[in-house]
Amino acid sequence: MGYVLYFQVKANVTLSCNRCGGPLRLPVEVSDWVSLRTKQPADAHVVLGGDEMNIRFITDLEFDVDNFVGEIIELEIPAYPRHAEDDPSCEIQPREEPEEPPAASPFSVLEKFLDR
């Protein structure tokens, strides 16, 4: 016996940009399903195929849907959210490194030993 849970979430999440600390609004879209099975498998070790990866074995008849979907949404949010590099709303723009002149060769002191 079991249940199938289909869910679809479309939302905008406001986070802090890791680069500038300003607000960053990210769209989140998740659409998936999960099969909740109340009957535990007979074997302690279960191998699930590719089509069975959305199966969850539950021991109680109660299942916290809010917590489950919340975890799925959290996995869609990037670990280090930041504005795009060309986004003008980011208060800190990437530094442009000045071009350094080529360094002197460490062997230039040996020029005095050359026969000219």
PDB file of N, CA and C in Angstrom:
ATOM      1  N   MET A   1       0.843  -1.177   0.000  1.00  0.00           N
ATOM      2  CA  MET A   1       0.000   0.000   0.000  1.00  0.00           C
ATOM      3  C   MET A   1       0.885   1.236   0.000  1.00  0.00           C
ATOM      4  N   GLY A   2       0.406   2.269  -0.624  1.00  0.00           N
ATOM      5  CA  GLY A   2       1.182   3.493  -0.657  1.00  0.00           C
ATOM      6  C   GLY A   2       0.400   4.632  -1.269  1.00  0.00           C
ATOM      7  N   TYR A   3       1.067   5.746  -1.373  1.00  0.00           N
ATOM      8  CA  TYR A   3       0.468   6.959  -1.906  1.00  0.00           C
ATOM      9  C   TYR A   3       1.449   7.592  -2.878  1.00  0.00           C
ATOM     10  N   VAL A   4       0.913   8.348  -3.827  1.00  0.00           N
ATOM     11  CA  VAL A   4       1.757   9.092  -4.753  1.00  0.00           C
ATOM     12  C   VAL A   4       1.471  10.570  -4.539  1.00  0.00           C
ATOM     13  N   LEU A   5       2.523  11.327  -4.334  1.00  0.00           N
ATOM     14  CA  LEU A   5       2.413  12.763  -4.095  1.00  0.00           C
ATOM     15  C   LEU A   5       3.036  13.498  -5.276  1.00  0.00           C
ATOM     16  N   TYR A   6       2.219  14.284  -5.975  1.00  0.00           N
ATOM     17  CA  TYR A   6       2.705  15.133  -7.059  1.00  0.00           C
ATOM     18  C   TYR A   6       2.761  16.553  -6.524  1.00  0.00           C
ATOM     19  N   PHE A   7       3.832  17.271  -6.830  1.00  0.00           N
ATOM     20  CA  PHE A   7       3.906  18.657  -6.371  1.00  0.00           C
ATOM     21  C   PHE A   7       4.583  19.519  -7.418  1.00  0.00           C
ATOM     22  N   GLN A   8       4.168  20.784  -7.428  1.00  0.00           N
ATOM     23  CA  GLN A   8       4.735  21.778  -8.334  1.00  0.00           C
ATOM     24  C   GLN A   8       4.806  23.090  -7.564  1.00  0.00           C
ATOM     25  N   VAL A   9       5.984  23.696  -7.563  1.00  0.00           N
ATOM     26  CA  VAL A   9       6.201  24.946  -6.844  1.00  0.00           C
ATOM     27  C   VAL A   9       6.811  25.957  -7.799  1.00  0.00           C
ATOM     28  N   LYS A  10       6.217  27.144  -7.843  1.00  0.00           N
ATOM     29  CA  LYS A  10       6.782  28.275  -8.575  1.00  0.00           C
ATOM     30  C   LYS A  10       6.795  29.438  -7.602  1.00  0.00           C
ATOM     31  N   ALA A  11       7.977  29.966  -7.338  1.00  0.00           N
ATOM     32  CA  ALA A  11       8.091  31.050  -6.361  1.00  0.00           C
ATOM     33  C   ALA A  11       9.307  31.905  -6.674  1.00  0.00           C
ATOM     34  N   ASN A  12       9.335  33.075  -6.080  1.00  0.00           N
ATOM     35  CA  ASN A  12      10.507  33.942  -6.121  1.00  0.00           C
ATOM     36  C   ASN A  12      11.055  34.015  -4.708  1.00  0.00           C
ATOM     37  N   VAL A  13      12.317  33.712  -4.560  1.00  0.00           N
ATOM     38  CA  VAL A  13      12.968  33.700  -3.258  1.00  0.00           C
ATOM     39  C   VAL A  13      13.902  34.899  -3.186  1.00  0.00           C
ATOM     40  N   THR A  14      13.821  35.658  -2.099  1.00  0.00           N
ATOM     41  CA  THR A  14      14.719  36.793  -1.906  1.00  0.00           C
ATOM     42  C   THR A  14      15.827  36.373  -0.952  1.00  0.00           C
ATOM     43  N   LEU A  15      17.058  36.466  -1.428  1.00  0.00           N
ATOM     44  CA  LEU A  15      18.239  36.083  -0.662  1.00  0.00           C
ATOM     45  C   LEU A  15      19.190  37.267  -0.588  1.00  0.00           C
ATOM     46  N   SER A  16      20.284  37.099   0.116  1.00  0.00           N
ATOM     47  CA  SER A  16      21.341  38.104   0.151  1.00  0.00           C
ATOM     48  C   SER A  16      22.451  37.681  -0.798  1.00  0.00           C
ATOM     49  N   CYS A  17      22.909  38.624  -1.610  1.00  0.00           N
ATOM     50  CA  CYS A  17      24.010  38.361  -2.539  1.00  0.00           C
ATOM     51  C   CYS A  17      25.287  38.156  -1.729  1.00  0.00           C
ATOM     52  N   ASN A  18      26.015  37.097  -2.010  1.00  0.00           N
ATOM     53  CA  ASN A  18      27.272  36.839  -1.298  1.00  0.00           C
ATOM     54  C   ASN A  18      28.367  37.810  -1.692  1.00  0.00           C
ATOM     55  N   ARG A  19      28.229  38.481  -2.823  1.00  0.00           N
ATOM     56  CA  ARG A  19      29.254  39.411  -3.284  1.00  0.00           C
ATOM     57  C   ARG A  19      29.069  40.789  -2.654  1.00  0.00           C
ATOM     58  N   CYS A  20      27.836  41.329  -2.713  1.00  0.00           N
ATOM     59  CA  CYS A  20      27.626  42.700  -2.248  1.00  0.00           C
ATOM     60  C   CYS A  20      26.756  42.786  -0.999  1.00  0.00           C
ATOM     61  N   GLY A  21      26.058  41.722  -0.644  1.00  0.00           N
ATOM     62  CA  GLY A  21      25.198  41.742   0.534  1.00  0.00           C
ATOM     63  C   GLY A  21      23.818  42.314   0.268  1.00  0.00           C
ATOM     64  N   GLY A  22      23.574  42.773  -0.945  1.00  0.00           N
ATOM     65  CA  GLY A  22      22.277  43.341  -1.303  1.00  0.00           C
ATOM     66  C   GLY A  22      21.249  42.262  -1.569  1.00  0.00           C
ATOM     67  N   PRO A  23      19.987  42.674  -1.693  1.00  0.00           N
ATOM     68  CA  PRO A  23      18.934  41.686  -1.958  1.00  0.00           C
ATOM     69  C   PRO A  23      19.057  41.099  -3.359  1.00  0.00           C
ATOM     70  N   LEU A  24      18.783  39.826  -3.453  1.00  0.00           N
ATOM     71  CA  LEU A  24      18.857  39.090  -4.714  1.00  0.00           C
ATOM     72  C   LEU A  24      17.588  38.261  -4.838  1.00  0.00           C
ATOM     73  N   ARG A  25      16.855  38.460  -5.903  1.00  0.00           N
ATOM     74  CA  ARG A  25      15.602  37.736  -6.116  1.00  0.00           C
ATOM     75  C   ARG A  25      15.825  36.640  -7.149  1.00  0.00           C
ATOM     76  N   LEU A  26      15.578  35.404  -6.741  1.00  0.00           N
ATOM     77  CA  LEU A  26      15.786  34.251  -7.623  1.00  0.00           C
ATOM     78  C   LEU A  26      14.468  33.517  -7.852  1.00  0.00           C
ATOM     79  N   PRO A  27      14.166  33.187  -9.101  1.00  0.00           N
ATOM     80  CA  PRO A  27      12.981  32.360  -9.350  1.00  0.00           C
ATOM     81  C   PRO A  27      13.295  30.891  -9.062  1.00  0.00           C
ATOM     82  N   VAL A  28      12.350  30.203  -8.451  1.00  0.00           N
ATOM     83  CA  VAL A  28      12.500  28.780  -8.142  1.00  0.00           C
ATOM     84  C   VAL A  28      11.307  28.054  -8.751  1.00  0.00           C
ATOM     85  N   GLU A  29      11.595  27.033  -9.541  1.00  0.00           N
ATOM     86  CA  GLU A  29      10.540  26.200 -10.129  1.00  0.00           C
ATOM     87  C   GLU A  29      10.893  24.741  -9.905  1.00  0.00           C
ATOM     88  N   VAL A  30       9.984  24.021  -9.262  1.00  0.00           N
ATOM     89  CA  VAL A  30      10.188  22.601  -8.982  1.00  0.00           C
ATOM     90  C   VAL A  30       8.902  21.866  -9.326  1.00  0.00           C
ATOM     91  N   SER A  31       9.032  20.781 -10.034  1.00  0.00           N
ATOM     92  CA  SER A  31       7.898  19.926 -10.350  1.00  0.00           C
ATOM     93  C   SER A  31       8.394  18.484 -10.268  1.00  0.00           C
ATOM     94  N   ASP A  32       7.792  17.695  -9.382  1.00  0.00           N
ATOM     95  CA  ASP A  32       8.274  16.329  -9.188  1.00  0.00           C
ATOM     96  C   ASP A  32       7.171  15.494  -8.548  1.00  0.00           C
ATOM     97  N   TRP A  33       7.490  14.268  -8.262  1.00  0.00           N
ATOM     98  CA  TRP A  33       6.570  13.364  -7.597  1.00  0.00           C
ATOM     99  C   TRP A  33       7.361  12.447  -6.680  1.00  0.00           C
ATOM    100  N   VAL A  34       6.667  11.852  -5.730  1.00  0.00           N
ATOM    101  CA  VAL A  34       7.282  10.869  -4.846  1.00  0.00           C
ATOM    102  C   VAL A  34       6.224   9.820  -4.501  1.00  0.00           C
ATOM    103  N   SER A  35       6.647   8.576  -4.465  1.00  0.00           N
ATOM    104  CA  SER A  35       5.773   7.473  -4.083  1.00  0.00           C
ATOM    105  C   SER A  35       6.084   7.110  -2.639  1.00  0.00           C
ATOM    106  N   LEU A  36       5.076   7.193  -1.797  1.00  0.00           N
ATOM    107  CA  LEU A  36       5.235   6.876  -0.378  1.00  0.00           C
ATOM    108  C   LEU A  36       4.697   5.473  -0.148  1.00  0.00           C
ATOM    109  N   ARG A  37       5.564   4.593   0.274  1.00  0.00           N
ATOM    110  CA  ARG A  37       5.178   3.193   0.504  1.00  0.00           C
ATOM    111  C   ARG A  37       5.152   2.929   2.006  1.00  0.00           C
ATOM    112  N   THR A  38       4.058   2.340   2.465  1.00  0.00           N
ATOM    113  CA  THR A  38       3.937   2.034   3.887  1.00  0.00           C
ATOM    114  C   THR A  38       4.456   0.644   4.218  1.00  0.00           C
ATOM    115  N   LYS A  39       4.533  -0.221   3.234  1.00  0.00           N
ATOM    116  CA  LYS A  39       5.038  -1.569   3.480  1.00  0.00           C
ATOM    117  C   LYS A  39       6.551  -1.570   3.296  1.00  0.00           C
ATOM    118  N   GLN A  40       7.243  -1.953   4.337  1.00  0.00           N
ATOM    119  CA  GLN A  40       8.696  -2.003   4.292  1.00  0.00           C
ATOM    120  C   GLN A  40       9.151  -3.211   3.477  1.00  0.00           C
ATOM    121  N   PRO A  41      10.269  -3.082   2.769  1.00  0.00           N
ATOM    122  CA  PRO A  41      10.788  -4.228   2.018  1.00  0.00           C
ATOM    123  C   PRO A  41      11.245  -5.331   2.968  1.00  0.00           C
ATOM    124  N   ALA A  42      11.173  -6.568   2.496  1.00  0.00           N
ATOM    125  CA  ALA A  42      11.551  -7.713   3.328  1.00  0.00           C
ATOM    126  C   ALA A  42      13.049  -7.742   3.589  1.00  0.00           C
ATOM    127  N   ASP A  43      13.841  -7.363   2.612  1.00  0.00           N
ATOM    128  CA  ASP A  43      15.291  -7.377   2.776  1.00  0.00           C
ATOM    129  C   ASP A  43      15.757  -6.074   3.420  1.00  0.00           C
ATOM    130  N   ALA A  44      16.834  -6.165   4.168  1.00  0.00           N
ATOM    131  CA  ALA A  44      17.383  -4.962   4.795  1.00  0.00           C
ATOM    132  C   ALA A  44      18.055  -4.066   3.765  1.00  0.00           C
ATOM    133  N   HIS A  45      18.559  -4.654   2.693  1.00  0.00           N
ATOM    134  CA  HIS A  45      19.260  -3.911   1.642  1.00  0.00           C
ATOM    135  C   HIS A  45      18.383  -3.904   0.394  1.00  0.00           C
ATOM    136  N   VAL A  46      18.006  -2.711  -0.061  1.00  0.00           N
ATOM    137  CA  VAL A  46      17.132  -2.583  -1.222  1.00  0.00           C
ATOM    138  C   VAL A  46      17.880  -1.839  -2.317  1.00  0.00           C
ATOM    139  N   VAL A  47      17.870  -2.377  -3.520  1.00  0.00           N
ATOM    140  CA  VAL A  47      18.481  -1.718  -4.671  1.00  0.00           C
ATOM    141  C   VAL A  47      17.351  -1.178  -5.538  1.00  0.00           C
ATOM    142  N   LEU A  48      17.349   0.145  -5.722  1.00  0.00           N
ATOM    143  CA  LEU A  48      16.317   0.781  -6.528  1.00  0.00           C
ATOM    144  C   LEU A  48      16.876   1.121  -7.894  1.00  0.00           C
ATOM    145  N   GLY A  49      16.093   0.870  -8.927  1.00  0.00           N
ATOM    146  CA  GLY A  49      16.494   1.225 -10.285  1.00  0.00           C
ATOM    147  C   GLY A  49      16.218   2.694 -10.557  1.00  0.00           C
ATOM    148  N   GLY A  50      16.510   3.128 -11.773  1.00  0.00           N
ATOM    149  CA  GLY A  50      16.347   4.527 -12.136  1.00  0.00           C
ATOM    150  C   GLY A  50      14.917   5.027 -12.012  1.00  0.00           C
ATOM    151  N   ASP A  51      13.937   4.177 -12.333  1.00  0.00           N
ATOM    152  CA  ASP A  51      12.538   4.584 -12.245  1.00  0.00           C
ATOM    153  C   ASP A  51      12.017   4.559 -10.814  1.00  0.00           C
ATOM    154  N   GLU A  52      12.754   3.965  -9.916  1.00  0.00           N
ATOM    155  CA  GLU A  52      12.289   3.804  -8.540  1.00  0.00           C
ATOM    156  C   GLU A  52      12.963   4.758  -7.562  1.00  0.00           C
ATOM    157  N   MET A  53      13.708   5.726  -8.063  1.00  0.00           N
ATOM    158  CA  MET A  53      14.453   6.608  -7.164  1.00  0.00           C
ATOM    159  C   MET A  53      13.536   7.547  -6.382  1.00  0.00           C
ATOM    160  N   ASN A  54      12.312   7.734  -6.820  1.00  0.00           N
ATOM    161  CA  ASN A  54      11.384   8.610  -6.121  1.00  0.00           C
ATOM    162  C   ASN A  54      10.504   7.851  -5.131  1.00  0.00           C
ATOM    163  N   ILE A  55      10.920   6.680  -4.723  1.00  0.00           N
ATOM    164  CA  ILE A  55      10.163   5.895  -3.750  1.00  0.00           C
ATOM    165  C   ILE A  55      10.740   6.139  -2.363  1.00  0.00           C
ATOM    166  N   ARG A  56       9.853   6.433  -1.408  1.00  0.00           N
ATOM    167  CA  ARG A  56      10.255   6.602  -0.013  1.00  0.00           C
ATOM    168  C   ARG A  56       9.469   5.592   0.817  1.00  0.00           C
ATOM    169  N   PHE A  57      10.175   4.861   1.648  1.00  0.00           N
ATOM    170  CA  PHE A  57       9.532   3.921   2.552  1.00  0.00           C
ATOM    171  C   PHE A  57       9.309   4.638   3.877  1.00  0.00           C
ATOM    172  N   ILE A  58       8.068   4.703   4.311  1.00  0.00           N
ATOM    173  CA  ILE A  58       7.748   5.400   5.556  1.00  0.00           C
ATOM    174  C   ILE A  58       7.227   4.389   6.567  1.00  0.00           C
ATOM    175  N   THR A  59       7.533   4.639   7.830  1.00  0.00           N
ATOM    176  CA  THR A  59       7.113   3.721   8.890  1.00  0.00           C
ATOM    177  C   THR A  59       5.807   4.174   9.533  1.00  0.00           C
ATOM    178  N   ASP A  60       5.558   5.480   9.565  1.00  0.00           N
ATOM    179  CA  ASP A  60       4.318   5.999  10.147  1.00  0.00           C
ATOM    180  C   ASP A  60       3.322   6.300   9.038  1.00  0.00           C
ATOM    181  N   LEU A  61       2.069   6.389   9.413  1.00  0.00           N
ATOM    182  CA  LEU A  61       1.059   6.779   8.439  1.00  0.00           C
ATOM    183  C   LEU A  61       1.031   8.294   8.252  1.00  0.00           C
ATOM    184  N   GLU A  62       1.772   9.018   9.077  1.00  0.00           N
ATOM    185  CA  GLU A  62       1.865  10.470   8.932  1.00  0.00           C
ATOM    186  C   GLU A  62       3.155  10.815   8.205  1.00  0.00           C
ATOM    187  N   PHE A  63       3.053  11.764   7.283  1.00  0.00           N
ATOM    188  CA  PHE A  63       4.214  12.200   6.509  1.00  0.00           C
ATOM    189  C   PHE A  63       4.179  13.722   6.455  1.00  0.00           C
ATOM    190  N   ASP A  64       5.278  14.360   6.821  1.00  0.00           N
ATOM    191  CA  ASP A  64       5.360  15.822   6.856  1.00  0.00           C
ATOM    192  C   ASP A  64       5.646  16.345   5.448  1.00  0.00           C
ATOM    193  N   VAL A  65       4.592  16.676   4.719  1.00  0.00           N
ATOM    194  CA  VAL A  65       4.724  17.139   3.337  1.00  0.00           C
ATOM    195  C   VAL A  65       5.427  18.490   3.293  1.00  0.00           C
ATOM    196  N   ASP A  66       5.088  19.395   4.222  1.00  0.00           N
ATOM    197  CA  ASP A  66       5.723  20.718   4.239  1.00  0.00           C
ATOM    198  C   ASP A  66       7.235  20.604   4.358  1.00  0.00           C
ATOM    199  N   ASN A  67       7.690  19.771   5.255  1.00  0.00           N
ATOM    200  CA  ASN A  67       9.128  19.593   5.459  1.00  0.00           C
ATOM    201  C   ASN A  67       9.778  18.976   4.223  1.00  0.00           C
ATOM    202  N   PHE A  68       9.132  17.982   3.633  1.00  0.00           N
ATOM    203  CA  PHE A  68       9.687  17.308   2.459  1.00  0.00           C
ATOM    204  C   PHE A  68       9.815  18.266   1.273  1.00  0.00           C
ATOM    205  N   VAL A  69       8.746  18.984   0.955  1.00  0.00           N
ATOM    206  CA  VAL A  69       8.775  19.926  -0.168  1.00  0.00           C
ATOM    207  C   VAL A  69       9.726  21.082   0.147  1.00  0.00           C
ATOM    208  N   GLY A  70       9.782  21.504   1.397  1.00  0.00           N
ATOM    209  CA  GLY A  70      10.724  22.559   1.792  1.00  0.00           C
ATOM    210  C   GLY A  70      12.165  22.159   1.530  1.00  0.00           C
ATOM    211  N   GLU A  71      12.510  20.909   1.807  1.00  0.00           N
ATOM    212  CA  GLU A  71      13.867  20.431   1.527  1.00  0.00           C
ATOM    213  C   GLU A  71      14.146  20.394   0.025  1.00  0.00           C
ATOM    214  N   ILE A  72      13.149  20.026  -0.766  1.00  0.00           N
ATOM    215  CA  ILE A  72      13.316  20.014  -2.223  1.00  0.00           C
ATOM    216  C   ILE A  72      13.571  21.434  -2.727  1.00  0.00           C
ATOM    217  N   ILE A  73      12.842  22.407  -2.193  1.00  0.00           N
ATOM    218  CA  ILE A  73      13.037  23.807  -2.595  1.00  0.00           C
ATOM    219  C   ILE A  73      14.424  24.282  -2.189  1.00  0.00           C
ATOM    220  N   GLU A  74      14.861  23.938  -0.986  1.00  0.00           N
ATOM    221  CA  GLU A  74      16.196  24.346  -0.525  1.00  0.00           C
ATOM    222  C   GLU A  74      17.290  23.802  -1.433  1.00  0.00           C
ATOM    223  N   LEU A  75      17.091  22.622  -1.992  1.00  0.00           N
ATOM    224  CA  LEU A  75      18.089  22.053  -2.892  1.00  0.00           C
ATOM    225  C   LEU A  75      18.148  22.790  -4.225  1.00  0.00           C
ATOM    226  N   GLU A  76      17.109  23.529  -4.578  1.00  0.00           N
ATOM    227  CA  GLU A  76      17.094  24.303  -5.821  1.00  0.00           C
ATOM    228  C   GLU A  76      17.797  25.649  -5.672  1.00  0.00           C
ATOM    229  N   ILE A  77      18.030  26.089  -4.447  1.00  0.00           N
ATOM    230  CA  ILE A  77      18.666  27.385  -4.201  1.00  0.00           C
ATOM    231  C   ILE A  77      20.179  27.195  -4.256  1.00  0.00           C
ATOM    232  N   PRO A  78      20.893  28.062  -4.979  1.00  0.00           N
ATOM    233  CA  PRO A  78      22.352  27.905  -5.068  1.00  0.00           C
ATOM    234  C   PRO A  78      23.021  28.083  -3.708  1.00  0.00           C
ATOM    235  N   ALA A  79      24.136  27.399  -3.517  1.00  0.00           N
ATOM    236  CA  ALA A  79      24.856  27.460  -2.245  1.00  0.00           C
ATOM    237  C   ALA A  79      25.448  28.845  -2.003  1.00  0.00           C
ATOM    238  N   TYR A  80      25.910  29.516  -3.049  1.00  0.00           N
ATOM    239  CA  TYR A  80      26.495  30.851  -2.941  1.00  0.00           C
ATOM    240  C   TYR A  80      25.753  31.788  -3.889  1.00  0.00           C
ATOM    241  N   PRO A  81      24.594  32.284  -3.475  1.00  0.00           N
ATOM    242  CA  PRO A  81      23.825  33.139  -4.380  1.00  0.00           C
ATOM    243  C   PRO A  81      24.509  34.489  -4.580  1.00  0.00           C
ATOM    244  N   ARG A  82      24.572  34.928  -5.823  1.00  0.00           N
ATOM    245  CA  ARG A  82      25.159  36.234  -6.111  1.00  0.00           C
ATOM    246  C   ARG A  82      24.600  36.749  -7.426  1.00  0.00           C
ATOM    247  N   HIS A  83      24.640  38.077  -7.568  1.00  0.00           N
ATOM    248  CA  HIS A  83      24.181  38.701  -8.801  1.00  0.00           C
ATOM    249  C   HIS A  83      25.070  38.256  -9.957  1.00  0.00           C
ATOM    250  N   ALA A  84      24.543  38.368 -11.160  1.00  0.00           N
ATOM    251  CA  ALA A  84      25.364  38.110 -12.342  1.00  0.00           C
ATOM    252  C   ALA A  84      26.453  39.181 -12.409  1.00  0.00           C
ATOM    253  N   GLU A  85      27.586  38.854 -13.016  1.00  0.00           N
ATOM    254  CA  GLU A  85      28.713  39.789 -13.035  1.00  0.00           C
ATOM    255  C   GLU A  85      28.385  41.088 -13.748  1.00  0.00           C
ATOM    256  N   ASP A  86      27.486  41.054 -14.715  1.00  0.00           N
ATOM    257  CA  ASP A  86      27.146  42.276 -15.444  1.00  0.00           C
ATOM    258  C   ASP A  86      25.870  42.937 -14.919  1.00  0.00           C
ATOM    259  N   ASP A  87      25.368  42.501 -13.767  1.00  0.00           N
ATOM    260  CA  ASP A  87      24.144  43.060 -13.193  1.00  0.00           C
ATOM    261  C   ASP A  87      24.453  44.406 -12.543  1.00  0.00           C
ATOM    262  N   PRO A  88      23.842  45.497 -13.012  1.00  0.00           N
ATOM    263  CA  PRO A  88      24.143  46.811 -12.437  1.00  0.00           C
ATOM    264  C   PRO A  88      23.608  46.990 -11.020  1.00  0.00           C
ATOM    265  N   SER A  89      22.685  46.135 -10.574  1.00  0.00           N
ATOM    266  CA  SER A  89      22.160  46.279  -9.219  1.00  0.00           C
ATOM    267  C   SER A  89      23.138  45.783  -8.161  1.00  0.00           C
ATOM    268  N   CYS A  90      24.173  45.058  -8.577  1.00  0.00           N
ATOM    269  CA  CYS A  90      25.193  44.597  -7.627  1.00  0.00           C
ATOM    270  C   CYS A  90      26.079  45.781  -7.278  1.00  0.00           C
ATOM    271  N   GLU A  91      26.172  46.083  -5.997  1.00  0.00           N
ATOM    272  CA  GLU A  91      26.918  47.259  -5.557  1.00  0.00           C
ATOM    273  C   GLU A  91      28.423  47.071  -5.663  1.00  0.00           C
ATOM    274  N   ILE A  92      28.884  45.852  -5.690  1.00  0.00           N
ATOM    275  CA  ILE A  92      30.319  45.587  -5.797  1.00  0.00           C
ATOM    276  C   ILE A  92      30.560  44.920  -7.137  1.00  0.00           C
ATOM    277  N   GLN A  93      31.232  45.613  -8.003  1.00  0.00           N
ATOM    278  CA  GLN A  93      31.552  45.075  -9.316  1.00  0.00           C
ATOM    279  C   GLN A  93      32.891  44.351  -9.233  1.00  0.00           C
ATOM    280  N   PRO A  94      33.095  43.348 -10.065  1.00  0.00           N
ATOM    281  CA  PRO A  94      34.380  42.636 -10.051  1.00  0.00           C
ATOM    282  C   PRO A  94      35.530  43.597 -10.335  1.00  0.00           C
ATOM    283  N   ARG A  95      36.635  43.382  -9.648  1.00  0.00           N
ATOM    284  CA  ARG A  95      37.806  44.244  -9.841  1.00  0.00           C
ATOM    285  C   ARG A  95      38.435  43.977 -11.191  1.00  0.00           C
ATOM    286  N   GLU A  96      38.864  45.053 -11.795  1.00  0.00           N
ATOM    287  CA  GLU A  96      39.632  44.921 -13.027  1.00  0.00           C
ATOM    288  C   GLU A  96      41.096  45.085 -12.646  1.00  0.00           C
ATOM    289  N   GLU A  97      41.837  44.036 -12.814  1.00  0.00           N
ATOM    290  CA  GLU A  97      43.252  44.051 -12.451  1.00  0.00           C
ATOM    291  C   GLU A  97      44.035  44.870 -13.474  1.00  0.00           C
ATOM    292  N   PRO A  98      44.884  45.801 -13.012  1.00  0.00           N
ATOM    293  CA  PRO A  98      45.714  46.551 -13.968  1.00  0.00           C
ATOM    294  C   PRO A  98      46.764  45.629 -14.572  1.00  0.00           C
ATOM    295  N   GLU A  99      47.086  45.930 -15.814  1.00  0.00           N
ATOM    296  CA  GLU A  99      48.105  45.123 -16.477  1.00  0.00           C
ATOM    297  C   GLU A  99      49.468  45.478 -15.902  1.00  0.00           C
ATOM    298  N   GLU A 100      50.194  44.468 -15.512  1.00  0.00           N
ATOM    299  CA  GLU A 100      51.529  44.684 -14.954  1.00  0.00           C
ATOM    300  C   GLU A 100      52.558  44.581 -16.071  1.00  0.00           C
ATOM    301  N   PRO A 101      53.588  45.425 -15.990  1.00  0.00           N
ATOM    302  CA  PRO A 101      54.642  45.295 -17.001  1.00  0.00           C
ATOM    303  C   PRO A 101      55.342  43.951 -16.817  1.00  0.00           C
ATOM    304  N   PRO A 102      55.902  43.422 -17.889  1.00  0.00           N
ATOM    305  CA  PRO A 102      56.580  42.131 -17.754  1.00  0.00           C
ATOM    306  C   PRO A 102      57.744  42.248 -16.771  1.00  0.00           C
ATOM    307  N   ALA A 103      57.884  41.245 -15.952  1.00  0.00           N
ATOM    308  CA  ALA A 103      58.951  41.243 -14.946  1.00  0.00           C
ATOM    309  C   ALA A 103      60.306  41.068 -15.626  1.00  0.00           C
ATOM    310  N   ALA A 104      61.302  41.653 -15.005  1.00  0.00           N
ATOM    311  CA  ALA A 104      62.664  41.521 -15.540  1.00  0.00           C
ATOM    312  C   ALA A 104      63.119  40.074 -15.404  1.00  0.00           C
ATOM    313  N   SER A 105      63.857  39.637 -16.369  1.00  0.00           N
ATOM    314  CA  SER A 105      64.347  38.271 -16.359  1.00  0.00           C
ATOM    315  C   SER A 105      65.406  38.116 -15.269  1.00  0.00           C
ATOM    316  N   PRO A 106      65.362  37.056 -14.503  1.00  0.00           N
ATOM    317  CA  PRO A 106      66.388  36.858 -13.482  1.00  0.00           C
ATOM    318  C   PRO A 106      67.770  36.576 -14.088  1.00  0.00           C
ATOM    319  N   PHE A 107      67.806  36.276 -15.374  1.00  0.00           N
ATOM    320  CA  PHE A 107      69.078  35.992 -16.036  1.00  0.00           C
ATOM    321  C   PHE A 107      69.689  37.232 -16.684  1.00  0.00           C
ATOM    322  N   SER A 108      69.045  38.383 -16.553  1.00  0.00           N
ATOM    323  CA  SER A 108      69.562  39.599 -17.189  1.00  0.00           C
ATOM    324  C   SER A 108      70.905  40.032 -16.597  1.00  0.00           C
ATOM    325  N   VAL A 109      71.214  39.627 -15.377  1.00  0.00           N
ATOM    326  CA  VAL A 109      72.513  39.982 -14.776  1.00  0.00           C
ATOM    327  C   VAL A 109      73.660  39.238 -15.450  1.00  0.00           C
ATOM    328  N   LEU A 110      73.361  38.182 -16.180  1.00  0.00           N
ATOM    329  CA  LEU A 110      74.410  37.413 -16.852  1.00  0.00           C
ATOM    330  C   LEU A 110      74.840  38.043 -18.174  1.00  0.00           C
ATOM    331  N   GLU A 111      74.150  39.091 -18.601  1.00  0.00           N
ATOM    332  CA  GLU A 111      74.493  39.735 -19.871  1.00  0.00           C
ATOM    333  C   GLU A 111      75.914  40.296 -19.865  1.00  0.00           C
ATOM    334  N   LYS A 112      76.399  40.703 -18.719  1.00  0.00           N
ATOM    335  CA  LYS A 112      77.743  41.294 -18.657  1.00  0.00           C
ATOM    336  C   LYS A 112      78.835  40.267 -18.943  1.00  0.00           C
ATOM    337  N   PHE A 113      78.507  38.991 -18.868  1.00  0.00           N
ATOM    338  CA  PHE A 113      79.501  37.955 -19.143  1.00  0.00           C
ATOM    339  C   PHE A 113      79.525  37.526 -20.611  1.00  0.00           C
ATOM    340  N   LEU A 114      78.610  38.033 -21.395  1.00  0.00           N
ATOM    341  CA  LEU A 114      78.577  37.697 -22.815  1.00  0.00           C
ATOM    342  C   LEU A 114      79.710  38.420 -23.538  1.00  0.00           C
ATOM    343  N   ASP A 115      80.341  37.744 -24.491  1.00  0.00           N
ATOM    344  CA  ASP A 115      81.372  38.376 -25.320  1.00  0.00           C
ATOM    345  C   ASP A 115      80.679  39.229 -26.362  1.00  0.00           C
ATOM    346  N   ARG A 116      81.135  40.430 -26.403  1.00  0.00           N
ATOM    347  CA  ARG A 116      80.552  41.322 -27.419  1.00  0.00           C
ATOM    348  C   ARG A 116      81.607  41.815 -28.321  1.00  0.00           C
TER     349      ARG A 116
END
